[in-house]
Amino acid sequence: MRPKRKLEERRAMNKIVTGIVIFVAILLLLLGAVFIIAFGLENIAIGAVLILIALVLFFFAYRSEKIEAAKPTVVSQTFNVKMEGSGALTEKELKCKSCGATLTDKDLKVVKGAVMVACPYCGTVQAFEEAPKW
């Protein structure tokens, strides 16, 4: 659990730093606007530089949020599944269709996805077919 907590702390710190950067960018933007409004060649140049710095800060804040959003997050889910039959489950006795001998679960084999039954008495090999429940 420790790495997860560290990751959450790092994300919280990134959000705080991004908020501070955006706050400073807004202040620089307003200060640049004041310098431009004051008019004069030097004031316009200083105002333009302050606005340019504010725009760069906005861009980096935007990129860091976008990069953080693109990182994959680990999601753990727990599923509780309860399997039930459609009715009362009863164990039925398997019988060979050829000789009528009783078959056990040892006589069942899966071959290419199909359940095959091999009778140990008469040697007949048949595909096991489950009867529909309706």
Protein backbone atom coordinates (compact mmCIF):
# COMPACT_ATOMS: atom_id res chain seq x y z
CA MET A 1 0.00 0.00 0.00
CA ARG A 2 2.96 2.32 0.52
CA PRO A 3 3.71 2.99 -3.19
CA LYS A 4 0.04 3.87 -3.75
CA ARG A 5 0.13 6.37 -0.88
CA LYS A 6 3.33 7.91 -2.21
CA LEU A 7 1.73 8.27 -5.63
CA GLU A 8 -1.30 10.03 -4.15
CA GLU A 9 0.96 12.39 -2.19
CA ARG A 10 2.95 13.18 -5.34
CA ARG A 11 -0.24 13.92 -7.30
CA ALA A 12 -1.48 16.22 -4.53
CA MET A 13 1.85 18.06 -4.52
CA ASN A 14 1.72 18.41 -8.33
CA LYS A 15 -1.74 19.98 -8.07
CA ILE A 16 -0.52 22.46 -5.44
CA VAL A 17 2.51 23.44 -7.53
CA THR A 18 0.34 23.80 -10.64
CA GLY A 19 -2.04 26.06 -8.70
CA ILE A 20 0.85 28.25 -7.56
CA VAL A 21 2.22 28.46 -11.12
CA ILE A 22 -1.20 29.49 -12.45
CA PHE A 23 -1.55 32.12 -9.68
CA VAL A 24 1.88 33.60 -10.54
CA ALA A 25 0.99 33.56 -14.25
CA ILE A 26 -2.22 35.50 -13.57
CA LEU A 27 -0.29 38.07 -11.53
CA LEU A 28 2.29 38.45 -14.30
CA LEU A 29 -0.48 38.80 -16.88
CA LEU A 30 -2.15 41.57 -14.88
CA LEU A 31 1.18 43.31 -14.20
CA GLY A 32 2.02 43.13 -17.91
CA ALA A 33 -1.36 44.66 -18.76
CA VAL A 34 -0.68 47.50 -16.30
CA PHE A 35 2.69 48.19 -17.92
CA ILE A 36 1.12 48.22 -21.40
CA ILE A 37 -1.66 50.55 -20.25
CA ALA A 38 0.96 52.91 -18.75
CA PHE A 39 2.21 53.42 -22.31
CA GLY A 40 5.71 54.39 -23.26
CA LEU A 41 8.20 52.35 -25.24
CA GLU A 42 9.95 50.85 -22.21
CA ASN A 43 6.67 50.09 -20.43
CA ILE A 44 5.19 48.34 -23.50
CA ALA A 45 8.34 46.22 -23.86
CA ILE A 46 8.31 45.24 -20.17
CA GLY A 47 4.55 44.52 -20.34
CA ALA A 48 4.99 42.34 -23.44
CA VAL A 49 7.78 40.35 -21.75
CA LEU A 50 5.67 39.85 -18.60
CA ILE A 51 2.69 38.68 -20.67
CA LEU A 52 4.94 36.34 -22.66
CA ILE A 53 6.30 34.83 -19.41
CA ALA A 54 2.71 34.43 -18.12
CA LEU A 55 1.69 32.65 -21.33
CA VAL A 56 4.67 30.28 -21.03
CA LEU A 57 3.69 29.50 -17.41
CA PHE A 58 0.09 28.83 -18.51
CA PHE A 59 1.37 26.50 -21.23
CA PHE A 60 3.53 24.50 -18.81
CA ALA A 61 0.68 24.24 -16.28
CA TYR A 62 -1.62 23.02 -19.06
CA ARG A 63 0.94 20.47 -20.31
CA SER A 64 1.64 19.10 -16.83
CA GLU A 65 -2.10 18.56 -16.26
CA LYS A 66 -2.43 16.88 -19.65
CA ILE A 67 0.57 14.62 -19.01
CA GLU A 68 -0.80 13.71 -15.55
CA ALA A 69 -4.19 12.87 -17.06
CA ALA A 70 -2.57 10.64 -19.71
CA LYS A 71 -0.78 8.46 -17.14
CA PRO A 72 -2.49 5.12 -16.57
CA THR A 73 -4.11 4.56 -13.21
CA VAL A 74 -4.30 1.22 -11.47
CA VAL A 75 -7.84 0.12 -10.75
CA SER A 76 -8.51 -2.94 -8.66
CA GLN A 77 -11.91 -4.53 -8.70
CA THR A 78 -13.34 -7.43 -6.78
CA PHE A 79 -16.09 -9.55 -8.26
CA ASN A 80 -18.24 -11.85 -6.20
CA VAL A 81 -19.92 -14.41 -8.40
CA LYS A 82 -22.34 -16.97 -7.09
CA MET A 83 -23.05 -19.82 -9.49
CA GLU A 84 -26.36 -21.59 -9.13
CA GLY A 85 -28.17 -24.11 -11.24
CA SER A 86 -31.62 -23.43 -12.59
CA GLY A 87 -33.06 -26.09 -10.32
CA ALA A 88 -32.06 -28.70 -7.80
CA LEU A 89 -28.73 -30.28 -8.69
CA THR A 90 -28.61 -34.04 -8.47
CA GLU A 91 -25.89 -36.47 -9.40
CA LYS A 92 -26.96 -38.86 -12.12
CA GLU A 93 -25.41 -42.18 -13.00
CA LEU A 94 -23.72 -42.37 -16.42
CA LYS A 95 -24.43 -45.48 -18.47
CA CYS A 96 -22.85 -46.69 -21.70
CA LYS A 97 -25.27 -46.40 -24.64
CA SER A 98 -23.98 -49.66 -26.16
CA CYS A 99 -23.71 -52.12 -23.27
CA GLY A 100 -25.46 -50.27 -20.39
CA ALA A 101 -22.42 -50.50 -18.06
CA THR A 102 -22.02 -47.86 -15.34
CA LEU A 103 -19.38 -45.23 -16.20
CA THR A 104 -17.32 -43.16 -13.76
CA ASP A 105 -15.67 -39.77 -14.06
CA LYS A 106 -12.38 -41.58 -14.82
CA ASP A 107 -13.91 -42.65 -18.15
CA LEU A 108 -14.40 -39.03 -19.26
CA LYS A 109 -11.72 -37.29 -21.35
CA VAL A 110 -11.64 -33.91 -23.10
CA VAL A 111 -10.55 -34.22 -26.74
CA LYS A 112 -10.35 -31.01 -28.80
CA GLY A 113 -12.87 -29.28 -26.53
CA ALA A 114 -15.42 -32.12 -26.59
CA VAL A 115 -16.09 -34.41 -23.66
CA MET A 116 -15.61 -38.03 -24.74
CA VAL A 117 -16.72 -41.13 -22.83
CA ALA A 118 -14.78 -44.39 -23.25
CA CYS A 119 -16.52 -47.48 -21.90
CA PRO A 120 -13.99 -49.71 -20.09
CA TYR A 121 -16.15 -52.82 -20.71
CA CYS A 122 -17.09 -52.73 -24.41
CA GLY A 123 -14.50 -50.16 -25.59
CA THR A 124 -17.09 -47.84 -27.23
CA VAL A 125 -16.00 -44.18 -27.45
CA GLN A 126 -18.84 -41.66 -27.64
CA ALA A 127 -19.22 -37.90 -27.33
CA PHE A 128 -20.82 -37.00 -24.01
CA GLU A 129 -24.00 -35.02 -24.61
CA GLU A 130 -25.61 -33.07 -21.85
CA ALA A 131 -29.37 -32.99 -22.01
CA PRO A 132 -30.97 -29.55 -22.04
CA LYS A 133 -32.45 -28.42 -18.72
CA TRP A 134 -35.82 -27.33 -20.08
